[in-house]
PDB file of N, CA and C in Angstrom:
ATOM      1  N   MET A   1     -61.506   8.980  16.118  1.00  0.00           N
ATOM      2  CA  MET A   1     -60.480   9.960  15.900  1.00  0.00           C
ATOM      3  C   MET A   1     -60.911  10.871  14.749  1.00  0.00           C
ATOM      4  N   ASP A   2     -61.013  12.151  15.012  1.00  0.00           N
ATOM      5  CA  ASP A   2     -61.476  13.121  14.029  1.00  0.00           C
ATOM      6  C   ASP A   2     -60.264  13.882  13.496  1.00  0.00           C
ATOM      7  N   ASN A   3     -59.991  13.783  12.183  1.00  0.00           N
ATOM      8  CA  ASN A   3     -58.832  14.464  11.606  1.00  0.00           C
ATOM      9  C   ASN A   3     -59.186  15.816  11.000  1.00  0.00           C
ATOM     10  N   GLY A   4     -60.415  16.250  11.110  1.00  0.00           N
ATOM     11  CA  GLY A   4     -60.816  17.561  10.631  1.00  0.00           C
ATOM     12  C   GLY A   4     -61.295  17.564   9.191  1.00  0.00           C
ATOM     13  N   LEU A   5     -61.188  16.458   8.473  1.00  0.00           N
ATOM     14  CA  LEU A   5     -61.653  16.382   7.089  1.00  0.00           C
ATOM     15  C   LEU A   5     -63.031  15.739   7.060  1.00  0.00           C
ATOM     16  N   PRO A   6     -63.935  16.258   6.231  1.00  0.00           N
ATOM     17  CA  PRO A   6     -65.259  15.642   6.156  1.00  0.00           C
ATOM     18  C   PRO A   6     -65.199  14.319   5.388  1.00  0.00           C
ATOM     19  N   ALA A   7     -66.125  13.443   5.672  1.00  0.00           N
ATOM     20  CA  ALA A   7     -66.206  12.176   4.956  1.00  0.00           C
ATOM     21  C   ALA A   7     -66.683  12.441   3.527  1.00  0.00           C
ATOM     22  N   VAL A   8     -66.480  11.462   2.637  1.00  0.00           N
ATOM     23  CA  VAL A   8     -66.839  11.656   1.237  1.00  0.00           C
ATOM     24  C   VAL A   8     -68.338  11.914   1.094  1.00  0.00           C
ATOM     25  N   GLY A   9     -69.154  11.268   1.891  1.00  0.00           N
ATOM     26  CA  GLY A   9     -70.595  11.467   1.811  1.00  0.00           C
ATOM     27  C   GLY A   9     -71.032  12.829   2.304  1.00  0.00           C
ATOM     28  N   GLN A  10     -70.200  13.520   3.077  1.00  0.00           N
ATOM     29  CA  GLN A  10     -70.560  14.824   3.623  1.00  0.00           C
ATOM     30  C   GLN A  10     -70.086  15.978   2.739  1.00  0.00           C
ATOM     31  N   LEU A  11     -69.348  15.702   1.664  1.00  0.00           N
ATOM     32  CA  LEU A  11     -68.882  16.764   0.773  1.00  0.00           C
ATOM     33  C   LEU A  11     -70.044  17.301  -0.050  1.00  0.00           C
ATOM     34  N   SER A  12     -69.970  18.586  -0.363  1.00  0.00           N
ATOM     35  CA  SER A  12     -70.986  19.163  -1.238  1.00  0.00           C
ATOM     36  C   SER A  12     -70.734  18.657  -2.663  1.00  0.00           C
ATOM     37  N   PRO A  13     -71.747  18.650  -3.500  1.00  0.00           N
ATOM     38  CA  PRO A  13     -71.568  18.146  -4.876  1.00  0.00           C
ATOM     39  C   PRO A  13     -70.525  18.930  -5.668  1.00  0.00           C
ATOM     40  N   GLU A  14     -70.381  20.221  -5.389  1.00  0.00           N
ATOM     41  CA  GLU A  14     -69.388  21.016  -6.094  1.00  0.00           C
ATOM     42  C   GLU A  14     -67.973  20.556  -5.768  1.00  0.00           C
ATOM     43  N   TRP A  15     -67.708  20.294  -4.489  1.00  0.00           N
ATOM     44  CA  TRP A  15     -66.380  19.828  -4.077  1.00  0.00           C
ATOM     45  C   TRP A  15     -66.107  18.423  -4.605  1.00  0.00           C
ATOM     46  N   LEU A  16     -67.108  17.597  -4.621  1.00  0.00           N
ATOM     47  CA  LEU A  16     -66.934  16.245  -5.141  1.00  0.00           C
ATOM     48  C   LEU A  16     -66.590  16.296  -6.635  1.00  0.00           C
ATOM     49  N   ASP A  17     -67.277  17.164  -7.398  1.00  0.00           N
ATOM     50  CA  ASP A  17     -66.958  17.336  -8.810  1.00  0.00           C
ATOM     51  C   ASP A  17     -65.532  17.877  -8.994  1.00  0.00           C
ATOM     52  N   PHE A  18     -65.141  18.799  -8.121  1.00  0.00           N
ATOM     53  CA  PHE A  18     -63.798  19.362  -8.187  1.00  0.00           C
ATOM     54  C   PHE A  18     -62.741  18.274  -7.980  1.00  0.00           C
ATOM     55  N   PHE A  19     -62.922  17.445  -6.980  1.00  0.00           N
ATOM     56  CA  PHE A  19     -61.954  16.387  -6.698  1.00  0.00           C
ATOM     57  C   PHE A  19     -61.936  15.332  -7.814  1.00  0.00           C
ATOM     58  N   ILE A  20     -63.074  15.046  -8.392  1.00  0.00           N
ATOM     59  CA  ILE A  20     -63.127  14.089  -9.500  1.00  0.00           C
ATOM     60  C   ILE A  20     -62.372  14.661 -10.705  1.00  0.00           C
ATOM     61  N   MET A  21     -62.551  15.951 -10.996  1.00  0.00           N
ATOM     62  CA  MET A  21     -61.848  16.577 -12.118  1.00  0.00           C
ATOM     63  C   MET A  21     -60.332  16.613 -11.878  1.00  0.00           C
ATOM     64  N   CYS A  22     -59.929  16.929 -10.652  1.00  0.00           N
ATOM     65  CA  CYS A  22     -58.491  16.945 -10.333  1.00  0.00           C
ATOM     66  C   CYS A  22     -57.896  15.548 -10.485  1.00  0.00           C
ATOM     67  N   GLY A  23     -58.618  14.536 -10.049  1.00  0.00           N
ATOM     68  CA  GLY A  23     -58.139  13.164 -10.185  1.00  0.00           C
ATOM     69  C   GLY A  23     -58.032  12.755 -11.647  1.00  0.00           C
ATOM     70  N   ALA A  24     -59.016  13.140 -12.460  1.00  0.00           N
ATOM     71  CA  ALA A  24     -58.988  12.794 -13.882  1.00  0.00           C
ATOM     72  C   ALA A  24     -57.824  13.492 -14.584  1.00  0.00           C
ATOM     73  N   ILE A  25     -57.609  14.762 -14.266  1.00  0.00           N
ATOM     74  CA  ILE A  25     -56.486  15.495 -14.868  1.00  0.00           C
ATOM     75  C   ILE A  25     -55.167  14.885 -14.422  1.00  0.00           C
ATOM     76  N   GLY A  26     -55.074  14.513 -13.169  1.00  0.00           N
ATOM     77  CA  GLY A  26     -53.857  13.880 -12.665  1.00  0.00           C
ATOM     78  C   GLY A  26     -53.575  12.554 -13.357  1.00  0.00           C
ATOM     79  N   LEU A  27     -54.612  11.750 -13.587  1.00  0.00           N
ATOM     80  CA  LEU A  27     -54.421  10.477 -14.288  1.00  0.00           C
ATOM     81  C   LEU A  27     -53.972  10.690 -15.726  1.00  0.00           C
ATOM     82  N   VAL A  28     -54.547  11.669 -16.403  1.00  0.00           N
ATOM     83  CA  VAL A  28     -54.147  11.949 -17.778  1.00  0.00           C
ATOM     84  C   VAL A  28     -52.695  12.420 -17.819  1.00  0.00           C
ATOM     85  N   LEU A  29     -52.300  13.287 -16.900  1.00  0.00           N
ATOM     86  CA  LEU A  29     -50.917  13.762 -16.867  1.00  0.00           C
ATOM     87  C   LEU A  29     -49.943  12.629 -16.552  1.00  0.00           C
ATOM     88  N   LEU A  30     -50.321  11.766 -15.644  1.00  0.00           N
ATOM     89  CA  LEU A  30     -49.476  10.623 -15.303  1.00  0.00           C
ATOM     90  C   LEU A  30     -49.332   9.673 -16.489  1.00  0.00           C
ATOM     91  N   ALA A  31     -50.423   9.421 -17.194  1.00  0.00           N
ATOM     92  CA  ALA A  31     -50.372   8.558 -18.377  1.00  0.00           C
ATOM     93  C   ALA A  31     -49.511   9.187 -19.474  1.00  0.00           C
ATOM     94  N   ALA A  32     -49.619  10.498 -19.671  1.00  0.00           N
ATOM     95  CA  ALA A  32     -48.810  11.177 -20.686  1.00  0.00           C
ATOM     96  C   ALA A  32     -47.331  11.141 -20.315  1.00  0.00           C
ATOM     97  N   PHE A  33     -47.022  11.268 -19.049  1.00  0.00           N
ATOM     98  CA  PHE A  33     -45.632  11.200 -18.600  1.00  0.00           C
ATOM     99  C   PHE A  33     -45.041   9.825 -18.872  1.00  0.00           C
ATOM    100  N   PHE A  34     -45.765   8.773 -18.520  1.00  0.00           N
ATOM    101  CA  PHE A  34     -45.250   7.425 -18.750  1.00  0.00           C
ATOM    102  C   PHE A  34     -45.184   7.110 -20.247  1.00  0.00           C
ATOM    103  N   TRP A  35     -46.119   7.599 -21.040  1.00  0.00           N
ATOM    104  CA  TRP A  35     -46.080   7.395 -22.480  1.00  0.00           C
ATOM    105  C   TRP A  35     -44.831   8.061 -23.070  1.00  0.00           C
ATOM    106  N   ALA A  36     -44.540   9.286 -22.640  1.00  0.00           N
ATOM    107  CA  ALA A  36     -43.361   9.994 -23.137  1.00  0.00           C
ATOM    108  C   ALA A  36     -42.089   9.299 -22.662  1.00  0.00           C
ATOM    109  N   LEU A  37     -42.098   8.759 -21.475  1.00  0.00           N
ATOM    110  CA  LEU A  37     -40.930   8.073 -20.938  1.00  0.00           C
ATOM    111  C   LEU A  37     -40.654   6.780 -21.698  1.00  0.00           C
ATOM    112  N   LEU A  38     -41.692   6.055 -22.065  1.00  0.00           N
ATOM    113  CA  LEU A  38     -41.517   4.766 -22.734  1.00  0.00           C
ATOM    114  C   LEU A  38     -41.237   4.892 -24.222  1.00  0.00           C
ATOM    115  N   PHE A  39     -41.863   5.855 -24.878  1.00  0.00           N
ATOM    116  CA  PHE A  39     -41.790   5.935 -26.328  1.00  0.00           C
ATOM    117  C   PHE A  39     -40.961   7.098 -26.840  1.00  0.00           C
ATOM    118  N   ARG A  40     -40.151   7.699 -26.018  1.00  0.00           N
ATOM    119  CA  ARG A  40     -39.338   8.806 -26.498  1.00  0.00           C
ATOM    120  C   ARG A  40     -38.220   8.284 -27.390  1.00  0.00           C
ATOM    121  N   LYS A  41     -37.752   9.164 -28.266  1.00  0.00           N
ATOM    122  CA  LYS A  41     -36.674   8.792 -29.165  1.00  0.00           C
ATOM    123  C   LYS A  41     -35.347   8.912 -28.432  1.00  0.00           C
ATOM    124  N   SER A  42     -34.429   8.092 -28.812  1.00  0.00           N
ATOM    125  CA  SER A  42     -33.098   8.142 -28.212  1.00  0.00           C
ATOM    126  C   SER A  42     -32.397   9.406 -28.674  1.00  0.00           C
ATOM    127  N   GLY A  43     -31.845  10.165 -27.748  1.00  0.00           N
ATOM    128  CA  GLY A  43     -31.161  11.408 -28.079  1.00  0.00           C
ATOM    129  C   GLY A  43     -29.738  11.189 -28.540  1.00  0.00           C
ATOM    130  N   LYS A  44     -29.278   9.929 -28.584  1.00  0.00           N
ATOM    131  CA  LYS A  44     -27.898   9.657 -28.932  1.00  0.00           C
ATOM    132  C   LYS A  44     -27.709   9.402 -30.427  1.00  0.00           C
ATOM    133  N   ARG A  45     -28.743   9.533 -31.208  1.00  0.00           N
ATOM    134  CA  ARG A  45     -28.619   9.333 -32.646  1.00  0.00           C
ATOM    135  C   ARG A  45     -27.862  10.493 -33.270  1.00  0.00           C
ATOM    136  N   ARG A  46     -27.024  10.173 -34.232  1.00  0.00           N
ATOM    137  CA  ARG A  46     -26.281  11.218 -34.928  1.00  0.00           C
ATOM    138  C   ARG A  46     -27.103  11.751 -36.077  1.00  0.00           C
ATOM    139  N   ARG A  47     -27.023  13.022 -36.285  1.00  0.00           N
ATOM    140  CA  ARG A  47     -27.707  13.642 -37.416  1.00  0.00           C
ATOM    141  C   ARG A  47     -26.888  13.411 -38.669  1.00  0.00           C
ATOM    142  N   LYS A  48     -27.561  13.286 -39.779  1.00  0.00           N
ATOM    143  CA  LYS A  48     -26.862  13.146 -41.041  1.00  0.00           C
ATOM    144  C   LYS A  48     -26.343  14.511 -41.471  1.00  0.00           C
ATOM    145  N   ASN A  49     -25.142  14.496 -42.025  1.00  0.00           N
ATOM    146  CA  ASN A  49     -24.558  15.731 -42.527  1.00  0.00           C
ATOM    147  C   ASN A  49     -25.161  16.014 -43.888  1.00  0.00           C
ATOM    148  N   ARG A  50     -25.959  17.042 -44.001  1.00  0.00           N
ATOM    149  CA  ARG A  50     -26.676  17.335 -45.235  1.00  0.00           C
ATOM    150  C   ARG A  50     -25.905  18.273 -46.158  1.00  0.00           C
ATOM    151  N   ARG A  51     -24.731  18.684 -45.756  1.00  0.00           N
ATOM    152  CA  ARG A  51     -23.952  19.580 -46.602  1.00  0.00           C
ATOM    153  C   ARG A  51     -23.416  18.776 -47.779  1.00  0.00           C
ATOM    154  N   HIS A  52     -23.610  19.293 -48.951  1.00  0.00           N
ATOM    155  CA  HIS A  52     -23.178  18.588 -50.151  1.00  0.00           C
ATOM    156  C   HIS A  52     -21.688  18.797 -50.371  1.00  0.00           C
ATOM    157  N   ARG A  53     -21.061  17.811 -50.910  1.00  0.00           N
ATOM    158  CA  ARG A  53     -19.613  17.864 -51.130  1.00  0.00           C
ATOM    159  C   ARG A  53     -19.238  18.892 -52.211  1.00  0.00           C
ATOM    160  N   HIS A  54     -20.091  19.109 -53.201  1.00  0.00           N
ATOM    161  CA  HIS A  54     -19.744  20.026 -54.282  1.00  0.00           C
ATOM    162  C   HIS A  54     -19.935  21.489 -53.899  1.00  0.00           C
ATOM    163  N   ARG A  55     -20.535  21.748 -52.748  1.00  0.00           N
ATOM    164  CA  ARG A  55     -20.733  23.123 -52.310  1.00  0.00           C
ATOM    165  C   ARG A  55     -19.700  23.456 -51.244  1.00  0.00           C
ATOM    166  N   PRO A  56     -18.687  24.266 -51.576  1.00  0.00           N
ATOM    167  CA  PRO A  56     -17.651  24.580 -50.583  1.00  0.00           C
ATOM    168  C   PRO A  56     -18.172  25.534 -49.512  1.00  0.00           C
ATOM    169  N   LEU A  57     -17.454  25.559 -48.413  1.00  0.00           N
ATOM    170  CA  LEU A  57     -17.775  26.498 -47.345  1.00  0.00           C
ATOM    171  C   LEU A  57     -17.418  27.919 -47.774  1.00  0.00           C
ATOM    172  N   ASN A  58     -17.905  28.903 -47.061  1.00  0.00           N
ATOM    173  CA  ASN A  58     -17.519  30.281 -47.340  1.00  0.00           C
ATOM    174  C   ASN A  58     -16.023  30.427 -47.093  1.00  0.00           C
ATOM    175  N   PRO A  59     -15.314  31.181 -47.943  1.00  0.00           N
ATOM    176  CA  PRO A  59     -13.865  31.311 -47.750  1.00  0.00           C
ATOM    177  C   PRO A  59     -13.546  32.159 -46.519  1.00  0.00           C
ATOM    178  N   THR A  60     -12.411  31.864 -45.916  1.00  0.00           N
ATOM    179  CA  THR A  60     -11.961  32.664 -44.781  1.00  0.00           C
ATOM    180  C   THR A  60     -11.374  33.971 -45.296  1.00  0.00           C
ATOM    181  N   LEU A  61     -11.083  34.890 -44.383  1.00  0.00           N
ATOM    182  CA  LEU A  61     -10.469  36.157 -44.790  1.00  0.00           C
ATOM    183  C   LEU A  61      -9.096  35.928 -45.398  1.00  0.00           C
ATOM    184  N   ALA A  62      -8.366  34.947 -44.882  1.00  0.00           N
ATOM    185  CA  ALA A  62      -7.040  34.661 -45.436  1.00  0.00           C
ATOM    186  C   ALA A  62      -7.161  34.128 -46.858  1.00  0.00           C
ATOM    187  N   GLU A  63      -8.171  33.327 -47.133  1.00  0.00           N
ATOM    188  CA  GLU A  63      -8.350  32.766 -48.472  1.00  0.00           C
ATOM    189  C   GLU A  63      -8.859  33.810 -49.464  1.00  0.00           C
ATOM    190  N   SER A  64      -9.610  34.775 -48.997  1.00  0.00           N
ATOM    191  CA  SER A  64     -10.183  35.769 -49.911  1.00  0.00           C
ATOM    192  C   SER A  64      -9.320  37.016 -50.052  1.00  0.00           C
ATOM    193  N   GLY A  65      -8.218  37.088 -49.330  1.00  0.00           N
ATOM    194  CA  GLY A  65      -7.322  38.236 -49.479  1.00  0.00           C
ATOM    195  C   GLY A  65      -7.387  39.201 -48.312  1.00  0.00           C
ATOM    196  N   GLY A  66      -8.053  38.880 -47.250  1.00  0.00           N
ATOM    197  CA  GLY A  66      -8.101  39.729 -46.069  1.00  0.00           C
ATOM    198  C   GLY A  66      -9.147  40.815 -46.168  1.00  0.00           C
ATOM    199  N   LEU A  67      -9.108  41.734 -45.218  1.00  0.00           N
ATOM    200  CA  LEU A  67     -10.062  42.838 -45.176  1.00  0.00           C
ATOM    201  C   LEU A  67      -9.697  43.890 -46.222  1.00  0.00           C
ATOM    202  N   PRO A  68     -10.679  44.657 -46.705  1.00  0.00           N
ATOM    203  CA  PRO A  68     -10.345  45.736 -47.640  1.00  0.00           C
ATOM    204  C   PRO A  68      -9.582  46.838 -46.914  1.00  0.00           C
ATOM    205  N   PRO A  69      -8.894  47.701 -47.660  1.00  0.00           N
ATOM    206  CA  PRO A  69      -8.134  48.778 -47.003  1.00  0.00           C
ATOM    207  C   PRO A  69      -9.067  49.763 -46.295  1.00  0.00           C
ATOM    208  N   VAL A  70      -8.548  50.427 -45.291  1.00  0.00           N
ATOM    209  CA  VAL A  70      -9.324  51.381 -44.506  1.00  0.00           C
ATOM    210  C   VAL A  70      -9.578  52.622 -45.344  1.00  0.00           C
ATOM    211  N   ARG A  71     -10.794  53.138 -45.331  1.00  0.00           N
ATOM    212  CA  ARG A  71     -11.142  54.349 -46.078  1.00  0.00           C
ATOM    213  C   ARG A  71     -10.622  55.569 -45.332  1.00  0.00           C
ATOM    214  N   ARG A  72      -9.965  56.443 -46.045  1.00  0.00           N
ATOM    215  CA  ARG A  72      -9.419  57.657 -45.437  1.00  0.00           C
ATOM    216  C   ARG A  72     -10.349  58.844 -45.624  1.00  0.00           C
ATOM    217  N   GLU A  73     -10.960  58.956 -46.765  1.00  0.00           N
ATOM    218  CA  GLU A  73     -11.812  60.116 -47.035  1.00  0.00           C
ATOM    219  C   GLU A  73     -13.279  59.729 -46.895  1.00  0.00           C
ATOM    220  N   LYS A  74     -14.081  60.688 -46.539  1.00  0.00           N
ATOM    221  CA  LYS A  74     -15.505  60.447 -46.352  1.00  0.00           C
ATOM    222  C   LYS A  74     -16.238  60.850 -47.626  1.00  0.00           C
ATOM    223  N   ASN A  75     -17.072  59.999 -48.127  1.00  0.00           N
ATOM    224  CA  ASN A  75     -17.821  60.266 -49.346  1.00  0.00           C
ATOM    225  C   ASN A  75     -19.100  61.021 -48.971  1.00  0.00           C
ATOM    226  N   PRO A  76     -19.303  62.256 -49.436  1.00  0.00           N
ATOM    227  CA  PRO A  76     -20.505  63.017 -49.059  1.00  0.00           C
ATOM    228  C   PRO A  76     -21.774  62.465 -49.698  1.00  0.00           C
ATOM    229  N   ASP A  77     -21.646  61.703 -50.796  1.00  0.00           N
ATOM    230  CA  ASP A  77     -22.835  61.172 -51.452  1.00  0.00           C
ATOM    231  C   ASP A  77     -23.378  59.924 -50.756  1.00  0.00           C
ATOM    232  N   ALA A  78     -22.585  59.312 -49.956  1.00  0.00           N
ATOM    233  CA  ALA A  78     -23.004  58.085 -49.294  1.00  0.00           C
ATOM    234  C   ALA A  78     -24.015  58.399 -48.184  1.00  0.00           C
ATOM    235  N   PRO A  79     -25.087  57.614 -48.067  1.00  0.00           N
ATOM    236  CA  PRO A  79     -26.055  57.858 -46.991  1.00  0.00           C
ATOM    237  C   PRO A  79     -25.463  57.518 -45.620  1.00  0.00           C
ATOM    238  N   THR A  80     -25.878  58.281 -44.640  1.00  0.00           N
ATOM    239  CA  THR A  80     -25.396  58.020 -43.286  1.00  0.00           C
ATOM    240  C   THR A  80     -26.256  56.929 -42.656  1.00  0.00           C
ATOM    241  N   PRO A  81     -25.661  56.071 -41.856  1.00  0.00           N
ATOM    242  CA  PRO A  81     -26.443  55.006 -41.227  1.00  0.00           C
ATOM    243  C   PRO A  81     -27.377  55.572 -40.163  1.00  0.00           C
ATOM    244  N   PRO A  82     -28.509  54.951 -39.967  1.00  0.00           N
ATOM    245  CA  PRO A  82     -29.439  55.446 -38.948  1.00  0.00           C
ATOM    246  C   PRO A  82     -28.859  55.235 -37.549  1.00  0.00           C
ATOM    247  N   PRO A  83     -29.224  56.074 -36.606  1.00  0.00           N
ATOM    248  CA  PRO A  83     -28.677  55.958 -35.241  1.00  0.00           C
ATOM    249  C   PRO A  83     -29.180  54.750 -34.506  1.00  0.00           C
TER     250      PRO A  83
END
């Protein structure tokens, strides 16, 4: 029964080298996958809260007195923002 594929002994040396390299790369990738699967860190660990107790958070607008009043007049000395 002929399946259309040449036997290993009938392959040219270039194709044989190609298949050997593909197999070696595949083995390395498979080993790296299993290594990562076995030795990965658990993602369920909680991070430590590094914020210090003596350093307060930024105040809210209500705590700081709200937004400043709206400017009615335009100051000609002030630089205009770039477009």
